[in-house]
């Protein structure tokens, strides 16, 4: 009996030895499913946005891939003001921002995360949108309160503007740029120098690169909203107003020659 079993075992191993290619080819045809995964926001209590541009509620997200199921609208902009490029929801800001028609990947990858020359750049559009929508202060007023519900903004930072400082300076040809006294309007500043404020040149001054040529900006250069901007916050201003900071206005339609604030010094275009 044991001789018979030995004989069968010997034949089995001989079979394996004679036909190795057959066994190999069978294993080659075996495929393993590739599990895709997503990066997603974890900011909100009820919603999240994934890096494919979908928004879903926390209960609908795939627990393994962290992806929304992709059944809804891609790159939705619900609750967003597309003119201001601001939204009232962080998650919809991130999804709307990721739309290639609104945010160009080749441009984003060149933008520095912060103003200093040593700052790194964004690794992806999703990284830009996640950071920009969360930390952006485009709708902050002096007291660090939000100007409106649309305070999640994905517009490009002012220091990434296509206009470089040389081009901006050229547009100021013939303009006398004067730093006003604290609480003074540009109408008053220019009038005291025998000139008039030039309204359409205020927007040329409304850039960090330009303000830093005339003002110290020791408190940084921050986005804000106000008729008195561009301006520098006085050093004796309350701490919550960011003393020493330069403020540029993200709501450019609001800036004017007659705007003023008791705690800022305006940068004025006079001629």
C-alpha atoms as a PDB file:
ATOM      1  CA  UNK A   1       0.000   0.000   0.000  1.00  0.00           C
ATOM      2  CA  UNK A   2       2.736   2.444   0.917  1.00  0.00           C
ATOM      3  CA  UNK A   3       4.540   1.601  -2.341  1.00  0.00           C
ATOM      4  CA  UNK A   4       1.432   2.633  -4.265  1.00  0.00           C
ATOM      5  CA  UNK A   5       1.238   5.973  -2.431  1.00  0.00           C
ATOM      6  CA  UNK A   6       4.934   6.615  -3.040  1.00  0.00           C
ATOM      7  CA  UNK A   7       4.437   5.914  -6.727  1.00  0.00           C
ATOM      8  CA  UNK A   8       1.559   8.407  -6.957  1.00  0.00           C
ATOM      9  CA  UNK A   9       3.549  11.095  -5.127  1.00  0.00           C
ATOM     10  CA  UNK A  10       6.517  10.590  -7.435  1.00  0.00           C
ATOM     11  CA  UNK A  11       4.323  10.949 -10.528  1.00  0.00           C
ATOM     12  CA  UNK A  12       2.784  14.163  -9.143  1.00  0.00           C
ATOM     13  CA  UNK A  13       6.130  15.918  -8.615  1.00  0.00           C
ATOM     14  CA  UNK A  14       7.355  14.686 -12.003  1.00  0.00           C
ATOM     15  CA  UNK A  15       4.296  16.290 -13.570  1.00  0.00           C
ATOM     16  CA  UNK A  16       5.091  19.621 -11.887  1.00  0.00           C
ATOM     17  CA  UNK A  17       8.685  19.434 -13.077  1.00  0.00           C
ATOM     18  CA  UNK A  18       7.749  18.706 -16.694  1.00  0.00           C
ATOM     19  CA  UNK A  19       5.165  21.486 -17.024  1.00  0.00           C
ATOM     20  CA  UNK A  20       6.498  24.562 -15.188  1.00  0.00           C
ATOM     21  CA  UNK A  21       5.480  27.035 -17.903  1.00  0.00           C
ATOM     22  CA  UNK A  22       1.859  25.979 -17.603  1.00  0.00           C
ATOM     23  CA  UNK A  23       1.810  26.671 -13.891  1.00  0.00           C
ATOM     24  CA  UNK A  24       3.621  29.992 -14.390  1.00  0.00           C
ATOM     25  CA  UNK A  25       1.242  31.171 -17.089  1.00  0.00           C
ATOM     26  CA  UNK A  26      -1.732  30.462 -14.894  1.00  0.00           C
ATOM     27  CA  UNK A  27      -0.304  32.625 -12.091  1.00  0.00           C
ATOM     28  CA  UNK A  28       0.521  35.398 -14.525  1.00  0.00           C
ATOM     29  CA  UNK A  29      -3.146  35.722 -15.372  1.00  0.00           C
ATOM     30  CA  UNK A  30      -4.133  36.273 -11.757  1.00  0.00           C
ATOM     31  CA  UNK A  31      -4.880  39.968 -11.157  1.00  0.00           C
ATOM     32  CA  UNK A  32      -5.252  41.894  -7.916  1.00  0.00           C
ATOM     33  CA  UNK A  33      -7.689  44.770  -7.612  1.00  0.00           C
ATOM     34  CA  UNK A  34      -5.998  48.142  -7.174  1.00  0.00           C
ATOM     35  CA  UNK A  35      -7.589  50.188  -4.398  1.00  0.00           C
ATOM     36  CA  UNK A  36      -7.731  53.920  -5.199  1.00  0.00           C
ATOM     37  CA  UNK A  37      -7.637  56.420  -2.384  1.00  0.00           C
ATOM     38  CA  UNK A  38      -8.470  60.076  -1.983  1.00  0.00           C
ATOM     39  CA  UNK A  39      -7.262  62.948   0.062  1.00  0.00           C
ATOM     40  CA  UNK A  40     -10.121  64.806   1.661  1.00  0.00           C
ATOM     41  CA  UNK A  41     -10.902  67.702   3.946  1.00  0.00           C
ATOM     42  CA  UNK A  42     -11.709  67.063   7.569  1.00  0.00           C
ATOM     43  CA  UNK A  43     -12.704  70.620   8.395  1.00  0.00           C
ATOM     44  CA  UNK A  44     -16.457  70.404   8.673  1.00  0.00           C
ATOM     45  CA  UNK A  45     -18.761  68.536  11.008  1.00  0.00           C
ATOM     46  CA  UNK A  46     -21.148  67.417   8.266  1.00  0.00           C
ATOM     47  CA  UNK A  47     -19.425  67.718   4.863  1.00  0.00           C
ATOM     48  CA  UNK A  48     -16.077  66.978   3.284  1.00  0.00           C
ATOM     49  CA  UNK A  49     -14.561  67.512  -0.157  1.00  0.00           C
ATOM     50  CA  UNK A  50     -12.209  65.029  -1.812  1.00  0.00           C
ATOM     51  CA  UNK A  51      -9.368  65.674  -4.236  1.00  0.00           C
ATOM     52  CA  UNK A  52     -11.543  64.531  -7.155  1.00  0.00           C
ATOM     53  CA  UNK A  53     -13.714  67.604  -6.662  1.00  0.00           C
ATOM     54  CA  UNK A  54     -16.754  65.955  -5.073  1.00  0.00           C
ATOM     55  CA  UNK A  55     -18.562  66.978  -1.893  1.00  0.00           C
ATOM     56  CA  UNK A  56     -20.425  64.526   0.317  1.00  0.00           C
ATOM     57  CA  UNK A  57     -21.573  64.153   3.889  1.00  0.00           C
ATOM     58  CA  UNK A  58     -19.403  62.323   6.389  1.00  0.00           C
ATOM     59  CA  UNK A  59     -21.673  59.254   6.375  1.00  0.00           C
ATOM     60  CA  UNK A  60     -21.425  58.830   2.596  1.00  0.00           C
ATOM     61  CA  UNK A  61     -17.661  58.834   2.279  1.00  0.00           C
ATOM     62  CA  UNK A  62     -16.010  55.492   1.581  1.00  0.00           C
ATOM     63  CA  UNK A  63     -14.332  54.480   4.864  1.00  0.00           C
ATOM     64  CA  UNK A  64     -11.412  52.778   3.105  1.00  0.00           C
ATOM     65  CA  UNK A  65     -10.600  55.130   0.231  1.00  0.00           C
ATOM     66  CA  UNK A  66     -11.846  58.348   1.901  1.00  0.00           C
ATOM     67  CA  UNK A  67     -13.460  59.209  -1.435  1.00  0.00           C
ATOM     68  CA  UNK A  68     -16.958  60.500  -2.017  1.00  0.00           C
ATOM     69  CA  UNK A  69     -18.812  58.033  -4.243  1.00  0.00           C
ATOM     70  CA  UNK A  70     -18.698  60.439  -7.183  1.00  0.00           C
ATOM     71  CA  UNK A  71     -22.432  60.262  -7.862  1.00  0.00           C
ATOM     72  CA  UNK A  72     -23.052  63.947  -7.293  1.00  0.00           C
ATOM     73  CA  UNK A  73     -21.921  67.049  -9.143  1.00  0.00           C
ATOM     74  CA  UNK A  74     -18.200  67.462  -9.721  1.00  0.00           C
ATOM     75  CA  UNK A  75     -16.655  70.811  -8.703  1.00  0.00           C
ATOM     76  CA  UNK A  76     -19.929  72.162  -7.237  1.00  0.00           C
ATOM     77  CA  UNK A  77     -19.973  75.813  -6.199  1.00  0.00           C
ATOM     78  CA  UNK A  78     -23.089  75.889  -4.039  1.00  0.00           C
ATOM     79  CA  UNK A  79     -23.175  78.976  -1.845  1.00  0.00           C
ATOM     80  CA  UNK A  80     -20.315  80.625  -3.769  1.00  0.00           C
ATOM     81  CA  UNK A  81     -20.058  84.106  -5.236  1.00  0.00           C
ATOM     82  CA  UNK A  82     -18.033  83.448  -8.395  1.00  0.00           C
ATOM     83  CA  UNK A  83     -17.350  87.142  -8.938  1.00  0.00           C
ATOM     84  CA  UNK A  84     -15.690  87.492  -5.535  1.00  0.00           C
ATOM     85  CA  UNK A  85     -14.398  83.894  -5.714  1.00  0.00           C
ATOM     86  CA  UNK A  86     -15.642  83.385  -2.164  1.00  0.00           C
ATOM     87  CA  UNK A  87     -18.043  80.855  -0.637  1.00  0.00           C
ATOM     88  CA  UNK A  88     -20.030  80.512   2.564  1.00  0.00           C
ATOM     89  CA  UNK A  89     -18.894  76.891   2.975  1.00  0.00           C
ATOM     90  CA  UNK A  90     -15.333  75.640   3.344  1.00  0.00           C
ATOM     91  CA  UNK A  91     -16.020  72.323   1.579  1.00  0.00           C
ATOM     92  CA  UNK A  92     -17.736  73.916  -1.425  1.00  0.00           C
ATOM     93  CA  UNK A  93     -14.938  76.460  -1.623  1.00  0.00           C
ATOM     94  CA  UNK A  94     -12.418  73.603  -1.939  1.00  0.00           C
ATOM     95  CA  UNK A  95     -14.487  71.775  -4.572  1.00  0.00           C
ATOM     96  CA  UNK A  96     -15.193  74.914  -6.603  1.00  0.00           C
ATOM     97  CA  UNK A  97     -11.547  75.950  -6.416  1.00  0.00           C
ATOM     98  CA  UNK A  98     -10.412  72.625  -7.921  1.00  0.00           C
ATOM     99  CA  UNK A  99     -12.279  73.231 -11.181  1.00  0.00           C
ATOM    100  CA  UNK A 100      -9.574  73.496 -13.894  1.00  0.00           C
ATOM    101  CA  UNK A 101     -11.520  76.311 -15.541  1.00  0.00           C
ATOM    102  CA  UNK A 102     -11.095  78.426 -12.387  1.00  0.00           C
ATOM    103  CA  UNK A 103      -7.721  77.351 -11.042  1.00  0.00           C
ATOM    104  CA  UNK A 104      -4.863  76.625 -13.443  1.00  0.00           C
ATOM    105  CA  UNK A 105      -2.539  73.871 -12.217  1.00  0.00           C
ATOM    106  CA  UNK A 106       0.520  75.247 -14.004  1.00  0.00           C
ATOM    107  CA  UNK A 107       0.022  78.599 -12.280  1.00  0.00           C
ATOM    108  CA  UNK A 108      -0.684  77.157  -8.834  1.00  0.00           C
ATOM    109  CA  UNK A 109       2.482  75.063  -8.756  1.00  0.00           C
ATOM    110  CA  UNK A 110       4.553  78.267  -9.092  1.00  0.00           C
ATOM    111  CA  UNK A 111       2.830  80.130  -6.254  1.00  0.00           C
ATOM    112  CA  UNK A 112       4.617  80.370  -2.934  1.00  0.00           C
ATOM    113  CA  UNK A 113       2.669  79.323   0.144  1.00  0.00           C
ATOM    114  CA  UNK A 114       3.655  82.580   1.859  1.00  0.00           C
ATOM    115  CA  UNK A 115       5.254  85.900   0.967  1.00  0.00           C
ATOM    116  CA  UNK A 116       8.877  85.247   2.130  1.00  0.00           C
ATOM    117  CA  UNK A 117      11.321  84.203  -0.580  1.00  0.00           C
ATOM    118  CA  UNK A 118      12.182  81.096   1.433  1.00  0.00           C
ATOM    119  CA  UNK A 119       8.583  79.846   1.412  1.00  0.00           C
ATOM    120  CA  UNK A 120       7.842  76.619  -0.454  1.00  0.00           C
ATOM    121  CA  UNK A 121       5.319  76.116  -3.239  1.00  0.00           C
ATOM    122  CA  UNK A 122       2.107  74.130  -3.419  1.00  0.00           C
ATOM    123  CA  UNK A 123       2.419  70.477  -4.460  1.00  0.00           C
ATOM    124  CA  UNK A 124      -1.038  70.270  -6.055  1.00  0.00           C
ATOM    125  CA  UNK A 125      -4.220  72.196  -6.773  1.00  0.00           C
ATOM    126  CA  UNK A 126      -5.900  70.384  -3.881  1.00  0.00           C
ATOM    127  CA  UNK A 127      -3.183  71.589  -1.475  1.00  0.00           C
ATOM    128  CA  UNK A 128      -3.669  75.156  -2.693  1.00  0.00           C
ATOM    129  CA  UNK A 129      -7.466  75.007  -2.358  1.00  0.00           C
ATOM    130  CA  UNK A 130      -7.403  73.388   1.081  1.00  0.00           C
ATOM    131  CA  UNK A 131      -5.004  75.993   2.445  1.00  0.00           C
ATOM    132  CA  UNK A 132      -6.358  79.015   0.627  1.00  0.00           C
ATOM    133  CA  UNK A 133     -10.015  78.374   1.507  1.00  0.00           C
ATOM    134  CA  UNK A 134      -9.194  77.810   5.179  1.00  0.00           C
ATOM    135  CA  UNK A 135      -6.691  80.593   5.896  1.00  0.00           C
ATOM    136  CA  UNK A 136      -7.716  83.220   3.382  1.00  0.00           C
ATOM    137  CA  UNK A 137      -8.717  86.514   4.993  1.00  0.00           C
ATOM    138  CA  UNK A 138     -10.102  88.214   1.892  1.00  0.00           C
ATOM    139  CA  UNK A 139     -13.273  89.290   3.727  1.00  0.00           C
ATOM    140  CA  UNK A 140     -11.842  90.374   7.066  1.00  0.00           C
ATOM    141  CA  UNK A 141     -12.512  93.879   8.295  1.00  0.00           C
ATOM    142  CA  UNK A 142     -10.353  95.803  10.765  1.00  0.00           C
ATOM    143  CA  UNK A 143     -11.675  94.169  13.884  1.00  0.00           C
ATOM    144  CA  UNK A 144     -10.940  90.701  12.439  1.00  0.00           C
ATOM    145  CA  UNK A 145     -14.651  90.116  11.981  1.00  0.00           C
ATOM    146  CA  UNK A 146     -15.938  88.713   8.699  1.00  0.00           C
ATOM    147  CA  UNK A 147     -17.449  91.252   6.344  1.00  0.00           C
ATOM    148  CA  UNK A 148     -20.029  88.721   5.114  1.00  0.00           C
ATOM    149  CA  UNK A 149     -20.867  85.010   5.127  1.00  0.00           C
ATOM    150  CA  UNK A 150     -18.698  84.567   2.019  1.00  0.00           C
ATOM    151  CA  UNK A 151     -15.398  84.345   3.866  1.00  0.00           C
ATOM    152  CA  UNK A 152     -13.919  81.174   2.333  1.00  0.00           C
ATOM    153  CA  UNK A 153     -12.060  82.540  -0.696  1.00  0.00           C
ATOM    154  CA  UNK A 154      -9.948  80.814  -3.333  1.00  0.00           C
ATOM    155  CA  UNK A 155      -8.682  83.805  -5.302  1.00  0.00           C
ATOM    156  CA  UNK A 156      -4.946  84.061  -5.899  1.00  0.00           C
ATOM    157  CA  UNK A 157      -2.952  85.929  -3.219  1.00  0.00           C
ATOM    158  CA  UNK A 158      -2.011  89.473  -4.124  1.00  0.00           C
ATOM    159  CA  UNK A 159       1.722  88.711  -4.115  1.00  0.00           C
ATOM    160  CA  UNK A 160       1.186  86.221  -6.959  1.00  0.00           C
ATOM    161  CA  UNK A 161      -0.336  88.839  -9.247  1.00  0.00           C
ATOM    162  CA  UNK A 162       0.764  88.822 -12.851  1.00  0.00           C
ATOM    163  CA  UNK A 163       1.748  92.479 -12.548  1.00  0.00           C
ATOM    164  CA  UNK A 164       5.276  92.776 -11.203  1.00  0.00           C
ATOM    165  CA  UNK A 165       6.406  95.790  -9.241  1.00  0.00           C
ATOM    166  CA  UNK A 166       8.244  97.280 -12.236  1.00  0.00           C
ATOM    167  CA  UNK A 167       5.092  97.300 -14.341  1.00  0.00           C
ATOM    168  CA  UNK A 168       3.105  98.759 -11.468  1.00  0.00           C
ATOM    169  CA  UNK A 169       5.666 101.489 -10.889  1.00  0.00           C
ATOM    170  CA  UNK A 170       5.430 102.406 -14.587  1.00  0.00           C
ATOM    171  CA  UNK A 171       1.689 102.887 -14.162  1.00  0.00           C
ATOM    172  CA  UNK A 172       2.454 105.379 -11.383  1.00  0.00           C
ATOM    173  CA  UNK A 173       4.406 107.659 -13.715  1.00  0.00           C
ATOM    174  CA  UNK A 174       3.532 111.271 -12.931  1.00  0.00           C
ATOM    175  CA  UNK A 175       1.890 110.317  -9.631  1.00  0.00           C
ATOM    176  CA  UNK A 176       3.119 111.675  -6.307  1.00  0.00           C
ATOM    177  CA  UNK A 177       2.712 108.838  -3.791  1.00  0.00           C
ATOM    178  CA  UNK A 178       2.237 110.327  -0.307  1.00  0.00           C
ATOM    179  CA  UNK A 179       1.834 108.648   3.077  1.00  0.00           C
ATOM    180  CA  UNK A 180      -0.983 110.294   4.974  1.00  0.00           C
ATOM    181  CA  UNK A 181      -1.275 111.047   8.666  1.00  0.00           C
ATOM    182  CA  UNK A 182      -3.192 108.680  10.906  1.00  0.00           C
ATOM    183  CA  UNK A 183      -6.942 108.959  10.339  1.00  0.00           C
ATOM    184  CA  UNK A 184      -6.552 111.162   7.249  1.00  0.00           C
ATOM    185  CA  UNK A 185      -8.302 110.557   3.918  1.00  0.00           C
ATOM    186  CA  UNK A 186      -6.449 110.731   0.601  1.00  0.00           C
ATOM    187  CA  UNK A 187      -8.555 113.711  -0.424  1.00  0.00           C
ATOM    188  CA  UNK A 188      -7.201 115.539   2.604  1.00  0.00           C
ATOM    189  CA  UNK A 189      -3.638 114.258   2.117  1.00  0.00           C
ATOM    190  CA  UNK A 190      -3.433 115.382  -1.498  1.00  0.00           C
ATOM    191  CA  UNK A 191      -5.184 118.689  -0.875  1.00  0.00           C
ATOM    192  CA  UNK A 192      -2.706 119.605   1.861  1.00  0.00           C
ATOM    193  CA  UNK A 193       0.036 119.138  -0.760  1.00  0.00           C
ATOM    194  CA  UNK A 194      -1.735 121.312  -3.326  1.00  0.00           C
ATOM    195  CA  UNK A 195      -2.837 118.323  -5.419  1.00  0.00           C
ATOM    196  CA  UNK A 196      -5.851 116.088  -5.959  1.00  0.00           C
ATOM    197  CA  UNK A 197      -6.313 112.389  -5.304  1.00  0.00           C
ATOM    198  CA  UNK A 198      -6.359 110.234  -8.476  1.00  0.00           C
ATOM    199  CA  UNK A 199      -8.988 107.513  -7.839  1.00  0.00           C
ATOM    200  CA  UNK A 200      -7.968 105.075 -10.572  1.00  0.00           C
ATOM    201  CA  UNK A 201      -4.392 104.963  -9.270  1.00  0.00           C
ATOM    202  CA  UNK A 202      -5.449 103.709  -5.827  1.00  0.00           C
ATOM    203  CA  UNK A 203      -5.780 100.197  -7.266  1.00  0.00           C
ATOM    204  CA  UNK A 204      -2.197 100.393  -8.547  1.00  0.00           C
ATOM    205  CA  UNK A 205      -1.056 101.030  -4.980  1.00  0.00           C
ATOM    206  CA  UNK A 206      -3.254  98.194  -3.726  1.00  0.00           C
ATOM    207  CA  UNK A 207      -0.475  95.576  -3.954  1.00  0.00           C
ATOM    208  CA  UNK A 208       1.887  94.296  -1.286  1.00  0.00           C
ATOM    209  CA  UNK A 209       4.947  94.812  -3.488  1.00  0.00           C
ATOM    210  CA  UNK A 210       4.117  98.485  -3.938  1.00  0.00           C
ATOM    211  CA  UNK A 211       3.117  99.167  -0.327  1.00  0.00           C
ATOM    212  CA  UNK A 212       6.353  97.648   0.934  1.00  0.00           C
ATOM    213  CA  UNK A 213       8.309 100.176  -1.136  1.00  0.00           C
ATOM    214  CA  UNK A 214       6.739 103.087   0.739  1.00  0.00           C
ATOM    215  CA  UNK A 215       5.686 101.632   4.098  1.00  0.00           C
ATOM    216  CA  UNK A 216       7.548  99.513   6.633  1.00  0.00           C
ATOM    217  CA  UNK A 217       4.817  96.838   6.877  1.00  0.00           C
ATOM    218  CA  UNK A 218       6.549  95.316   9.916  1.00  0.00           C
ATOM    219  CA  UNK A 219       3.336  93.509  10.813  1.00  0.00           C
ATOM    220  CA  UNK A 220       3.102  91.828   7.410  1.00  0.00           C
ATOM    221  CA  UNK A 221       0.840  92.464   4.441  1.00  0.00           C
ATOM    222  CA  UNK A 222      -2.743  91.349   5.006  1.00  0.00           C
ATOM    223  CA  UNK A 223      -5.941  91.224   2.970  1.00  0.00           C
ATOM    224  CA  UNK A 224      -8.817  93.240   4.342  1.00  0.00           C
ATOM    225  CA  UNK A 225     -11.899  95.175   3.286  1.00  0.00           C
ATOM    226  CA  UNK A 226     -12.238  98.918   3.771  1.00  0.00           C
ATOM    227  CA  UNK A 227     -12.540 102.254   2.018  1.00  0.00           C
ATOM    228  CA  UNK A 228      -9.310 103.437   3.693  1.00  0.00           C
ATOM    229  CA  UNK A 229      -7.039 100.924   1.955  1.00  0.00           C
ATOM    230  CA  UNK A 230      -4.273 100.495   0.910  1.00  0.00           C
ATOM    231  CA  UNK A 231      -2.988 101.627   4.283  1.00  0.00           C
ATOM    232  CA  UNK A 232      -0.740 100.794   7.219  1.00  0.00           C
ATOM    233  CA  UNK A 233      -2.153 100.171  10.701  1.00  0.00           C
ATOM    234  CA  UNK A 234      -0.700 102.578  13.253  1.00  0.00           C
ATOM    235  CA  UNK A 235       1.673 101.131  15.853  1.00  0.00           C
ATOM    236  CA  UNK A 236      -0.489 102.462  18.703  1.00  0.00           C
ATOM    237  CA  UNK A 237      -3.606 100.728  17.373  1.00  0.00           C
ATOM    238  CA  UNK A 238      -5.289  98.044  19.505  1.00  0.00           C
ATOM    239  CA  UNK A 239      -3.602  94.666  19.274  1.00  0.00           C
ATOM    240  CA  UNK A 240      -6.556  93.028  17.525  1.00  0.00           C
ATOM    241  CA  UNK A 241      -6.148  95.463  14.619  1.00  0.00           C
ATOM    242  CA  UNK A 242      -2.661  94.112  13.781  1.00  0.00           C
ATOM    243  CA  UNK A 243      -0.482  97.187  14.528  1.00  0.00           C
ATOM    244  CA  UNK A 244       2.209  97.783  11.925  1.00  0.00           C
ATOM    245  CA  UNK A 245       0.530  95.631   9.275  1.00  0.00           C
ATOM    246  CA  UNK A 246      -0.104  96.852   5.754  1.00  0.00           C
ATOM    247  CA  UNK A 247      -3.634  96.256   4.494  1.00  0.00           C
ATOM    248  CA  UNK A 248      -4.660  95.810   0.887  1.00  0.00           C
ATOM    249  CA  UNK A 249      -8.327  95.667  -0.063  1.00  0.00           C
ATOM    250  CA  UNK A 250      -9.752  92.530  -1.654  1.00  0.00           C
ATOM    251  CA  UNK A 251     -12.979  94.437  -2.371  1.00  0.00           C
ATOM    252  CA  UNK A 252     -11.463  96.851  -4.855  1.00  0.00           C
ATOM    253  CA  UNK A 253     -14.783  98.491  -5.646  1.00  0.00           C
ATOM    254  CA  UNK A 254     -14.876  99.831  -2.076  1.00  0.00           C
ATOM    255  CA  UNK A 255     -11.639 101.830  -2.098  1.00  0.00           C
ATOM    256  CA  UNK A 256     -12.002 105.563  -2.505  1.00  0.00           C
ATOM    257  CA  UNK A 257     -10.178 108.835  -2.065  1.00  0.00           C
ATOM    258  CA  UNK A 258     -12.386 109.963   0.822  1.00  0.00           C
ATOM    259  CA  UNK A 259     -12.089 106.782   2.915  1.00  0.00           C
ATOM    260  CA  UNK A 260     -10.354 106.948   6.288  1.00  0.00           C
ATOM    261  CA  UNK A 261      -9.961 105.030   9.540  1.00  0.00           C
ATOM    262  CA  UNK A 262      -8.807 106.377  12.917  1.00  0.00           C
ATOM    263  CA  UNK A 263      -6.105 103.699  13.229  1.00  0.00           C
ATOM    264  CA  UNK A 264      -4.581 103.658   9.721  1.00  0.00           C
ATOM    265  CA  UNK A 265      -2.258 105.778   7.616  1.00  0.00           C
ATOM    266  CA  UNK A 266      -3.248 105.801   3.957  1.00  0.00           C
ATOM    267  CA  UNK A 267      -0.994 105.473   0.926  1.00  0.00           C
ATOM    268  CA  UNK A 268      -2.287 108.072  -1.513  1.00  0.00           C
ATOM    269  CA  UNK A 269      -1.841 108.803  -5.267  1.00  0.00           C
ATOM    270  CA  UNK A 270      -1.763 112.539  -5.796  1.00  0.00           C
ATOM    271  CA  UNK A 271      -1.345 114.667  -8.918  1.00  0.00           C
END
